[in-house]
Amino acid sequence: LWDVESAGEAIRPMIGPDTAVIPLQNGVDAS
């Protein structure tokens, strides 16, 4: 959970127009 923001920035090159990002972390605020 402490890596959400940094990893989110890193994965942007993998995001296409219909890519689905499914967070499977603990907690309730990752999305």
Full PDB file with SEQRES, HELIX, SHEET, SSBOND, CRYST1, ORIGX, SCALE, CONECT and MASTER records, all heavy atoms in Angstrom:
SEQRES   1 A   31  LEU TRP ASP VAL GLU SER ALA GLY GLU ALA ILE ARG PRO          
SEQRES   2 A   31  MET ILE GLY PRO ASP THR ALA VAL ILE PRO LEU GLN ASN          
SEQRES   3 A   31  GLY VAL ASP ALA SER                                          
HELIX    1 AA1 VAL A    4  ALA A   10  1                                   7    
HELIX    2 AA2 ARG A   12  MET A   14  5                                   3    
CRYST1    1.000    1.000    1.000  90.00  90.00  90.00 P 1           1          
ORIGX1      1.000000  0.000000  0.000000        0.00000                         
ORIGX2      0.000000  1.000000  0.000000        0.00000                         
ORIGX3      0.000000  0.000000  1.000000        0.00000                         
SCALE1      1.000000  0.000000  0.000000        0.00000                         
SCALE2      0.000000  1.000000  0.000000        0.00000                         
SCALE3      0.000000  0.000000  1.000000        0.00000                         
ATOM      1  N   LEU A   1       0.803  -1.221   0.000  1.00  0.00           N  
ATOM      2  CA  LEU A   1       0.000   0.000   0.000  1.00  0.00           C  
ATOM      3  C   LEU A   1       0.839   1.276   0.000  1.00  0.00           C  
ATOM      4  O   LEU A   1       0.390   2.309  -0.500  1.00  0.00           O  
ATOM      5  CB  LEU A   1      -0.956  -0.017   1.202  1.00  0.00           C  
ATOM      6  CG  LEU A   1      -2.123  -1.001   1.037  1.00  0.00           C  
ATOM      7  CD1 LEU A   1      -2.820  -1.238   2.369  1.00  0.00           C  
ATOM      8  CD2 LEU A   1      -3.124  -0.504  -0.002  1.00  0.00           C  
ATOM      9  N   TRP A   2       2.048   1.223   0.530  1.00  0.00           N  
ATOM     10  CA  TRP A   2       2.865   2.440   0.525  1.00  0.00           C  
ATOM     11  C   TRP A   2       3.442   2.731  -0.864  1.00  0.00           C  
ATOM     12  O   TRP A   2       3.963   3.813  -1.106  1.00  0.00           O  
ATOM     13  CB  TRP A   2       3.987   2.351   1.563  1.00  0.00           C  
ATOM     14  CG  TRP A   2       4.835   1.125   1.453  1.00  0.00           C  
ATOM     15  CD1 TRP A   2       5.842   0.886   0.561  1.00  0.00           C  
ATOM     16  CD2 TRP A   2       4.746  -0.053   2.261  1.00  0.00           C  
ATOM     17  NE1 TRP A   2       6.390  -0.358   0.764  1.00  0.00           N  
ATOM     18  CE2 TRP A   2       5.743  -0.964   1.798  1.00  0.00           C  
ATOM     19  CE3 TRP A   2       3.945  -0.425   3.340  1.00  0.00           C  
ATOM     20  CZ2 TRP A   2       5.936  -2.210   2.382  1.00  0.00           C  
ATOM     21  CZ3 TRP A   2       4.134  -1.677   3.910  1.00  0.00           C  
ATOM     22  CH2 TRP A   2       5.117  -2.544   3.432  1.00  0.00           C  
ATOM     23  N   ASP A   3       3.338   1.774  -1.781  1.00  0.00           N  
ATOM     24  CA  ASP A   3       3.882   1.950  -3.130  1.00  0.00           C  
ATOM     25  C   ASP A   3       2.825   2.301  -4.172  1.00  0.00           C  
ATOM     26  O   ASP A   3       3.125   2.334  -5.363  1.00  0.00           O  
ATOM     27  CB  ASP A   3       4.587   0.660  -3.585  1.00  0.00           C  
ATOM     28  CG  ASP A   3       5.969   0.492  -2.970  1.00  0.00           C  
ATOM     29  OD1 ASP A   3       6.582   1.512  -2.641  1.00  0.00           O  
ATOM     30  OD2 ASP A   3       6.419  -0.655  -2.822  1.00  0.00           O  
ATOM     31  N   VAL A   4       1.585   2.549  -3.760  1.00  0.00           N  
ATOM     32  CA  VAL A   4       0.500   2.751  -4.725  1.00  0.00           C  
ATOM     33  C   VAL A   4       0.809   3.888  -5.694  1.00  0.00           C  
ATOM     34  O   VAL A   4       0.723   3.734  -6.919  1.00  0.00           O  
ATOM     35  CB  VAL A   4      -0.842   2.997  -4.006  1.00  0.00           C  
ATOM     36  CG1 VAL A   4      -1.899   3.523  -4.983  1.00  0.00           C  
ATOM     37  CG2 VAL A   4      -1.337   1.708  -3.356  1.00  0.00           C  
ATOM     38  N   GLU A   5       1.176   5.052  -5.166  1.00  0.00           N  
ATOM     39  CA  GLU A   5       1.376   6.213  -6.042  1.00  0.00           C  
ATOM     40  C   GLU A   5       2.586   6.031  -6.963  1.00  0.00           C  
ATOM     41  O   GLU A   5       2.505   6.290  -8.167  1.00  0.00           O  
ATOM     42  CB  GLU A   5       1.517   7.487  -5.216  1.00  0.00           C  
ATOM     43  CG  GLU A   5       0.196   8.030  -4.666  1.00  0.00           C  
ATOM     44  CD  GLU A   5      -0.342   7.265  -3.467  1.00  0.00           C  
ATOM     45  OE1 GLU A   5       0.418   6.455  -2.877  1.00  0.00           O  
ATOM     46  OE2 GLU A   5      -1.517   7.448  -3.111  1.00  0.00           O  
ATOM     47  N   SER A   6       3.701   5.578  -6.416  1.00  0.00           N  
ATOM     48  CA  SER A   6       4.899   5.435  -7.246  1.00  0.00           C  
ATOM     49  C   SER A   6       4.711   4.344  -8.297  1.00  0.00           C  
ATOM     50  O   SER A   6       5.095   4.499  -9.468  1.00  0.00           O  
ATOM     51  CB  SER A   6       6.126   5.132  -6.377  1.00  0.00           C  
ATOM     52  OG  SER A   6       5.958   3.930  -5.643  1.00  0.00           O  
ATOM     53  N   ALA A   7       4.101   3.224  -7.925  1.00  0.00           N  
ATOM     54  CA  ALA A   7       3.853   2.158  -8.893  1.00  0.00           C  
ATOM     55  C   ALA A   7       2.798   2.582  -9.909  1.00  0.00           C  
ATOM     56  O   ALA A   7       2.872   2.212 -11.086  1.00  0.00           O  
ATOM     57  CB  ALA A   7       3.414   0.880  -8.177  1.00  0.00           C  
ATOM     58  N   GLY A   8       1.825   3.371  -9.467  1.00  0.00           N  
ATOM     59  CA  GLY A   8       0.820   3.877 -10.389  1.00  0.00           C  
ATOM     60  C   GLY A   8       1.441   4.724 -11.485  1.00  0.00           C  
ATOM     61  O   GLY A   8       1.090   4.602 -12.667  1.00  0.00           O  
ATOM     62  N   GLU A   9       2.384   5.582 -11.121  1.00  0.00           N  
ATOM     63  CA  GLU A   9       3.092   6.389 -12.129  1.00  0.00           C  
ATOM     64  C   GLU A   9       3.878   5.488 -13.076  1.00  0.00           C  
ATOM     65  O   GLU A   9       3.913   5.710 -14.293  1.00  0.00           O  
ATOM     66  CB  GLU A   9       4.039   7.372 -11.442  1.00  0.00           C  
ATOM     67  CG  GLU A   9       3.346   8.511 -10.706  1.00  0.00           C  
ATOM     68  CD  GLU A   9       2.748   9.554 -11.646  1.00  0.00           C  
ATOM     69  OE1 GLU A   9       3.047   9.513 -12.872  1.00  0.00           O  
ATOM     70  OE2 GLU A   9       1.976  10.398 -11.164  1.00  0.00           O  
ATOM     71  N   ALA A  10       4.508   4.460 -12.531  1.00  0.00           N  
ATOM     72  CA  ALA A  10       5.362   3.589 -13.346  1.00  0.00           C  
ATOM     73  C   ALA A  10       4.578   2.790 -14.378  1.00  0.00           C  
ATOM     74  O   ALA A  10       5.112   2.482 -15.453  1.00  0.00           O  
ATOM     75  CB  ALA A  10       6.137   2.645 -12.439  1.00  0.00           C  
ATOM     76  N   ILE A  11       3.314   2.451 -14.088  1.00  0.00           N  
ATOM     77  CA  ILE A  11       2.568   1.586 -15.005  1.00  0.00           C  
ATOM     78  C   ILE A  11       1.865   2.362 -16.112  1.00  0.00           C  
ATOM     79  O   ILE A  11       1.269   1.747 -17.015  1.00  0.00           O  
ATOM     80  CB  ILE A  11       1.526   0.726 -14.271  1.00  0.00           C  
ATOM     81  CG1 ILE A  11       0.380   1.581 -13.712  1.00  0.00           C  
ATOM     82  CG2 ILE A  11       2.193  -0.122 -13.200  1.00  0.00           C  
ATOM     83  CD1 ILE A  11      -0.797   0.768 -13.197  1.00  0.00           C  
ATOM     84  N   ARG A  12       1.957   3.674 -16.119  1.00  0.00           N  
ATOM     85  CA  ARG A  12       1.223   4.450 -17.119  1.00  0.00           C  
ATOM     86  C   ARG A  12       1.535   4.045 -18.562  1.00  0.00           C  
ATOM     87  O   ARG A  12       0.625   4.023 -19.408  1.00  0.00           O  
ATOM     88  CB  ARG A  12       1.469   5.946 -16.902  1.00  0.00           C  
ATOM     89  CG  ARG A  12       0.780   6.463 -15.634  1.00  0.00           C  
ATOM     90  CD  ARG A  12       1.132   7.904 -15.319  1.00  0.00           C  
ATOM     91  NE  ARG A  12       0.613   8.803 -16.334  1.00  0.00           N  
ATOM     92  CZ  ARG A  12       0.784  10.128 -16.315  1.00  0.00           C  
ATOM     93  NH1 ARG A  12       1.481  10.685 -15.334  1.00  0.00           N  
ATOM     94  NH2 ARG A  12       0.271  10.885 -17.252  1.00  0.00           N  
ATOM     95  N   PRO A  13       2.783   3.648 -18.910  1.00  0.00           N  
ATOM     96  CA  PRO A  13       3.036   3.204 -20.289  1.00  0.00           C  
ATOM     97  C   PRO A  13       2.288   1.925 -20.680  1.00  0.00           C  
ATOM     98  O   PRO A  13       2.199   1.605 -21.869  1.00  0.00           O  
ATOM     99  CB  PRO A  13       4.552   2.978 -20.308  1.00  0.00           C  
ATOM    100  CG  PRO A  13       5.090   3.812 -19.203  1.00  0.00           C  
ATOM    101  CD  PRO A  13       4.044   3.770 -18.147  1.00  0.00           C  
ATOM    102  N   MET A  14       1.757   1.198 -19.693  1.00  0.00           N  
ATOM    103  CA  MET A  14       1.028  -0.033 -20.001  1.00  0.00           C  
ATOM    104  C   MET A  14      -0.471   0.197 -20.137  1.00  0.00           C  
ATOM    105  O   MET A  14      -1.228  -0.744 -20.401  1.00  0.00           O  
ATOM    106  CB  MET A  14       1.285  -1.087 -18.913  1.00  0.00           C  
ATOM    107  CG  MET A  14       2.744  -1.489 -18.779  1.00  0.00           C  
ATOM    108  SD  MET A  14       3.013  -2.971 -17.764  1.00  0.00           S  
ATOM    109  CE  MET A  14       2.327  -2.470 -16.192  1.00  0.00           C  
ATOM    110  N   ILE A  15      -0.932   1.426 -19.943  1.00  0.00           N  
ATOM    111  CA  ILE A  15      -2.361   1.722 -19.946  1.00  0.00           C  
ATOM    112  C   ILE A  15      -2.798   2.158 -21.339  1.00  0.00           C  
ATOM    113  O   ILE A  15      -2.375   3.200 -21.845  1.00  0.00           O  
ATOM    114  CB  ILE A  15      -2.705   2.827 -18.928  1.00  0.00           C  
ATOM    115  CG1 ILE A  15      -2.137   2.487 -17.549  1.00  0.00           C  
ATOM    116  CG2 ILE A  15      -4.218   3.029 -18.859  1.00  0.00           C  
ATOM    117  CD1 ILE A  15      -2.640   1.218 -16.954  1.00  0.00           C  
ATOM    118  N   GLY A  16      -3.637   1.347 -21.974  1.00  0.00           N  
ATOM    119  CA  GLY A  16      -4.238   1.691 -23.255  1.00  0.00           C  
ATOM    120  C   GLY A  16      -5.633   2.234 -23.038  1.00  0.00           C  
ATOM    121  O   GLY A  16      -6.097   2.393 -21.901  1.00  0.00           O  
ATOM    122  N   PRO A  17      -6.372   2.523 -24.122  1.00  0.00           N  
ATOM    123  CA  PRO A  17      -7.695   3.142 -23.993  1.00  0.00           C  
ATOM    124  C   PRO A  17      -8.721   2.271 -23.285  1.00  0.00           C  
ATOM    125  O   PRO A  17      -9.692   2.792 -22.726  1.00  0.00           O  
ATOM    126  CB  PRO A  17      -8.110   3.417 -25.446  1.00  0.00           C  
ATOM    127  CG  PRO A  17      -7.233   2.555 -26.284  1.00  0.00           C  
ATOM    128  CD  PRO A  17      -5.951   2.409 -25.539  1.00  0.00           C  
ATOM    129  N   ASP A  18      -8.545   0.942 -23.288  1.00  0.00           N  
ATOM    130  CA  ASP A  18      -9.522   0.079 -22.618  1.00  0.00           C  
ATOM    131  C   ASP A  18      -8.878  -0.839 -21.584  1.00  0.00           C  
ATOM    132  O   ASP A  18      -9.448  -1.849 -21.184  1.00  0.00           O  
ATOM    133  CB  ASP A  18     -10.283  -0.763 -23.650  1.00  0.00           C  
ATOM    134  CG  ASP A  18     -11.610  -1.284 -23.102  1.00  0.00           C  
ATOM    135  OD1 ASP A  18     -12.295  -0.522 -22.392  1.00  0.00           O  
ATOM    136  OD2 ASP A  18     -11.938  -2.450 -23.374  1.00  0.00           O  
ATOM    137  N   THR A  19      -7.657  -0.490 -21.143  1.00  0.00           N  
ATOM    138  CA  THR A  19      -6.981  -1.294 -20.121  1.00  0.00           C  
ATOM    139  C   THR A  19      -7.747  -1.235 -18.803  1.00  0.00           C  
ATOM    140  O   THR A  19      -8.205  -0.170 -18.382  1.00  0.00           O  
ATOM    141  CB  THR A  19      -5.552  -0.788 -19.900  1.00  0.00           C  
ATOM    142  OG1 THR A  19      -4.823  -0.894 -21.122  1.00  0.00           O  
ATOM    143  CG2 THR A  19      -4.839  -1.597 -18.821  1.00  0.00           C  
ATOM    144  N   ALA A  20      -7.860  -2.373 -18.146  1.00  0.00           N  
ATOM    145  CA  ALA A  20      -8.466  -2.449 -16.817  1.00  0.00           C  
ATOM    146  C   ALA A  20      -7.367  -2.612 -15.779  1.00  0.00           C  
ATOM    147  O   ALA A  20      -6.563  -3.538 -15.865  1.00  0.00           O  
ATOM    148  CB  ALA A  20      -9.431  -3.624 -16.732  1.00  0.00           C  
ATOM    149  N   VAL A  21      -7.309  -1.696 -14.824  1.00  0.00           N  
ATOM    150  CA  VAL A  21      -6.373  -1.800 -13.703  1.00  0.00           C  
ATOM    151  C   VAL A  21      -7.162  -2.288 -12.501  1.00  0.00           C  
ATOM    152  O   VAL A  21      -8.088  -1.609 -12.035  1.00  0.00           O  
ATOM    153  CB  VAL A  21      -5.695  -0.450 -13.403  1.00  0.00           C  
ATOM    154  CG1 VAL A  21      -4.721  -0.603 -12.234  1.00  0.00           C  
ATOM    155  CG2 VAL A  21      -4.975   0.074 -14.634  1.00  0.00           C  
ATOM    156  N   ILE A  22      -6.825  -3.472 -12.009  1.00  0.00           N  
ATOM    157  CA  ILE A  22      -7.564  -4.081 -10.894  1.00  0.00           C  
ATOM    158  C   ILE A  22      -6.669  -4.120  -9.670  1.00  0.00           C  
ATOM    159  O   ILE A  22      -5.763  -4.956  -9.580  1.00  0.00           O  
ATOM    160  CB  ILE A  22      -8.038  -5.505 -11.247  1.00  0.00           C  
ATOM    161  CG1 ILE A  22      -8.828  -5.502 -12.565  1.00  0.00           C  
ATOM    162  CG2 ILE A  22      -8.895  -6.071 -10.116  1.00  0.00           C  
ATOM    163  CD1 ILE A  22      -9.249  -6.892 -13.033  1.00  0.00           C  
ATOM    164  N   PRO A  23      -6.868  -3.209  -8.713  1.00  0.00           N  
ATOM    165  CA  PRO A  23      -6.066  -3.252  -7.485  1.00  0.00           C  
ATOM    166  C   PRO A  23      -6.477  -4.454  -6.641  1.00  0.00           C  
ATOM    167  O   PRO A  23      -7.670  -4.674  -6.403  1.00  0.00           O  
ATOM    168  CB  PRO A  23      -6.426  -1.934  -6.774  1.00  0.00           C  
ATOM    169  CG  PRO A  23      -7.187  -1.122  -7.774  1.00  0.00           C  
ATOM    170  CD  PRO A  23      -7.820  -2.101  -8.707  1.00  0.00           C  
ATOM    171  N   LEU A  24      -5.501  -5.225  -6.194  1.00  0.00           N  
ATOM    172  CA  LEU A  24      -5.778  -6.384  -5.344  1.00  0.00           C  
ATOM    173  C   LEU A  24      -5.042  -6.247  -4.023  1.00  0.00           C  
ATOM    174  O   LEU A  24      -4.525  -7.213  -3.478  1.00  0.00           O  
ATOM    175  CB  LEU A  24      -5.371  -7.678  -6.072  1.00  0.00           C  
ATOM    176  CG  LEU A  24      -6.198  -8.016  -7.309  1.00  0.00           C  
ATOM    177  CD1 LEU A  24      -5.664  -9.275  -7.986  1.00  0.00           C  
ATOM    178  CD2 LEU A  24      -7.675  -8.202  -6.953  1.00  0.00           C  
ATOM    179  N   GLN A  25      -5.029  -5.011  -3.515  1.00  0.00           N  
ATOM    180  CA  GLN A  25      -4.346  -4.759  -2.246  1.00  0.00           C  
ATOM    181  C   GLN A  25      -5.260  -4.931  -1.051  1.00  0.00           C  
ATOM    182  O   GLN A  25      -6.487  -5.036  -1.190  1.00  0.00           O  
ATOM    183  CB  GLN A  25      -3.797  -3.323  -2.229  1.00  0.00           C  
ATOM    184  CG  GLN A  25      -2.526  -3.171  -2.990  1.00  0.00           C  
ATOM    185  CD  GLN A  25      -2.746  -2.315  -4.214  1.00  0.00           C  
ATOM    186  OE1 GLN A  25      -3.835  -2.206  -4.731  1.00  0.00           O  
ATOM    187  NE2 GLN A  25      -1.693  -1.721  -4.682  1.00  0.00           N  
ATOM    188  N   ASN A  26      -4.642  -4.904   0.096  1.00  0.00           N  
ATOM    189  CA  ASN A  26      -5.398  -4.774   1.333  1.00  0.00           C  
ATOM    190  C   ASN A  26      -5.963  -3.354   1.402  1.00  0.00           C  
ATOM    191  O   ASN A  26      -5.599  -2.482   0.633  1.00  0.00           O  
ATOM    192  CB  ASN A  26      -4.489  -5.045   2.531  1.00  0.00           C  
ATOM    193  CG  ASN A  26      -3.922  -6.454   2.498  1.00  0.00           C  
ATOM    194  OD1 ASN A  26      -4.573  -7.376   2.045  1.00  0.00           O  
ATOM    195  ND2 ASN A  26      -2.699  -6.626   2.984  1.00  0.00           N  
ATOM    196  N   GLY A  27      -6.829  -3.115   2.387  1.00  0.00           N  
ATOM    197  CA  GLY A  27      -7.362  -1.767   2.553  1.00  0.00           C  
ATOM    198  C   GLY A  27      -8.528  -1.485   1.619  1.00  0.00           C  
ATOM    199  O   GLY A  27      -8.994  -2.357   0.886  1.00  0.00           O  
ATOM    200  N   VAL A  28      -9.003  -0.231   1.643  1.00  0.00           N  
ATOM    201  CA  VAL A  28     -10.193   0.138   0.878  1.00  0.00           C  
ATOM    202  C   VAL A  28     -10.005   1.371  -0.001  1.00  0.00           C  
ATOM    203  O   VAL A  28     -10.962   1.818  -0.631  1.00  0.00           O  
ATOM    204  CB  VAL A  28     -11.397   0.389   1.823  1.00  0.00           C  
ATOM    205  CG1 VAL A  28     -11.899  -0.913   2.431  1.00  0.00           C  
ATOM    206  CG2 VAL A  28     -11.064   1.400   2.909  1.00  0.00           C  
ATOM    207  N   ASP A  29      -8.796   1.913  -0.086  1.00  0.00           N  
ATOM    208  CA  ASP A  29      -8.651   3.186  -0.792  1.00  0.00           C  
ATOM    209  C   ASP A  29      -7.725   3.143  -2.000  1.00  0.00           C  
ATOM    210  O   ASP A  29      -7.423   4.183  -2.588  1.00  0.00           O  
ATOM    211  CB  ASP A  29      -8.188   4.281   0.173  1.00  0.00           C  
ATOM    212  CG  ASP A  29      -6.797   4.024   0.755  1.00  0.00           C  
ATOM    213  OD1 ASP A  29      -6.210   2.957   0.476  1.00  0.00           O  
ATOM    214  OD2 ASP A  29      -6.312   4.899   1.507  1.00  0.00           O  
ATOM    215  N   ALA A  30      -7.263   1.966  -2.423  1.00  0.00           N  
ATOM    216  CA  ALA A  30      -6.308   1.898  -3.530  1.00  0.00           C  
ATOM    217  C   ALA A  30      -6.892   2.445  -4.829  1.00  0.00           C  
ATOM    218  O   ALA A  30      -6.215   3.150  -5.580  1.00  0.00           O  
ATOM    219  CB  ALA A  30      -5.825   0.466  -3.732  1.00  0.00           C  
ATOM    220  N   SER A  31      -8.156   2.130  -5.122  1.00  0.00           N  
ATOM    221  CA  SER A  31      -8.772   2.622  -6.355  1.00  0.00           C  
ATOM    222  C   SER A  31      -8.848   4.140  -6.369  1.00  0.00           C  
ATOM    223  O   SER A  31      -8.568   4.785  -7.394  1.00  0.00           O  
ATOM    224  CB  SER A  31     -10.177   2.028  -6.521  1.00  0.00           C  
ATOM    225  OG  SER A  31     -10.123   0.632  -6.720  1.00  0.00           O  
TER     226      SER A  31                                                      
MASTER        0    0    0    2    0    0    0    6  225    1    0    3          
END                                                                             
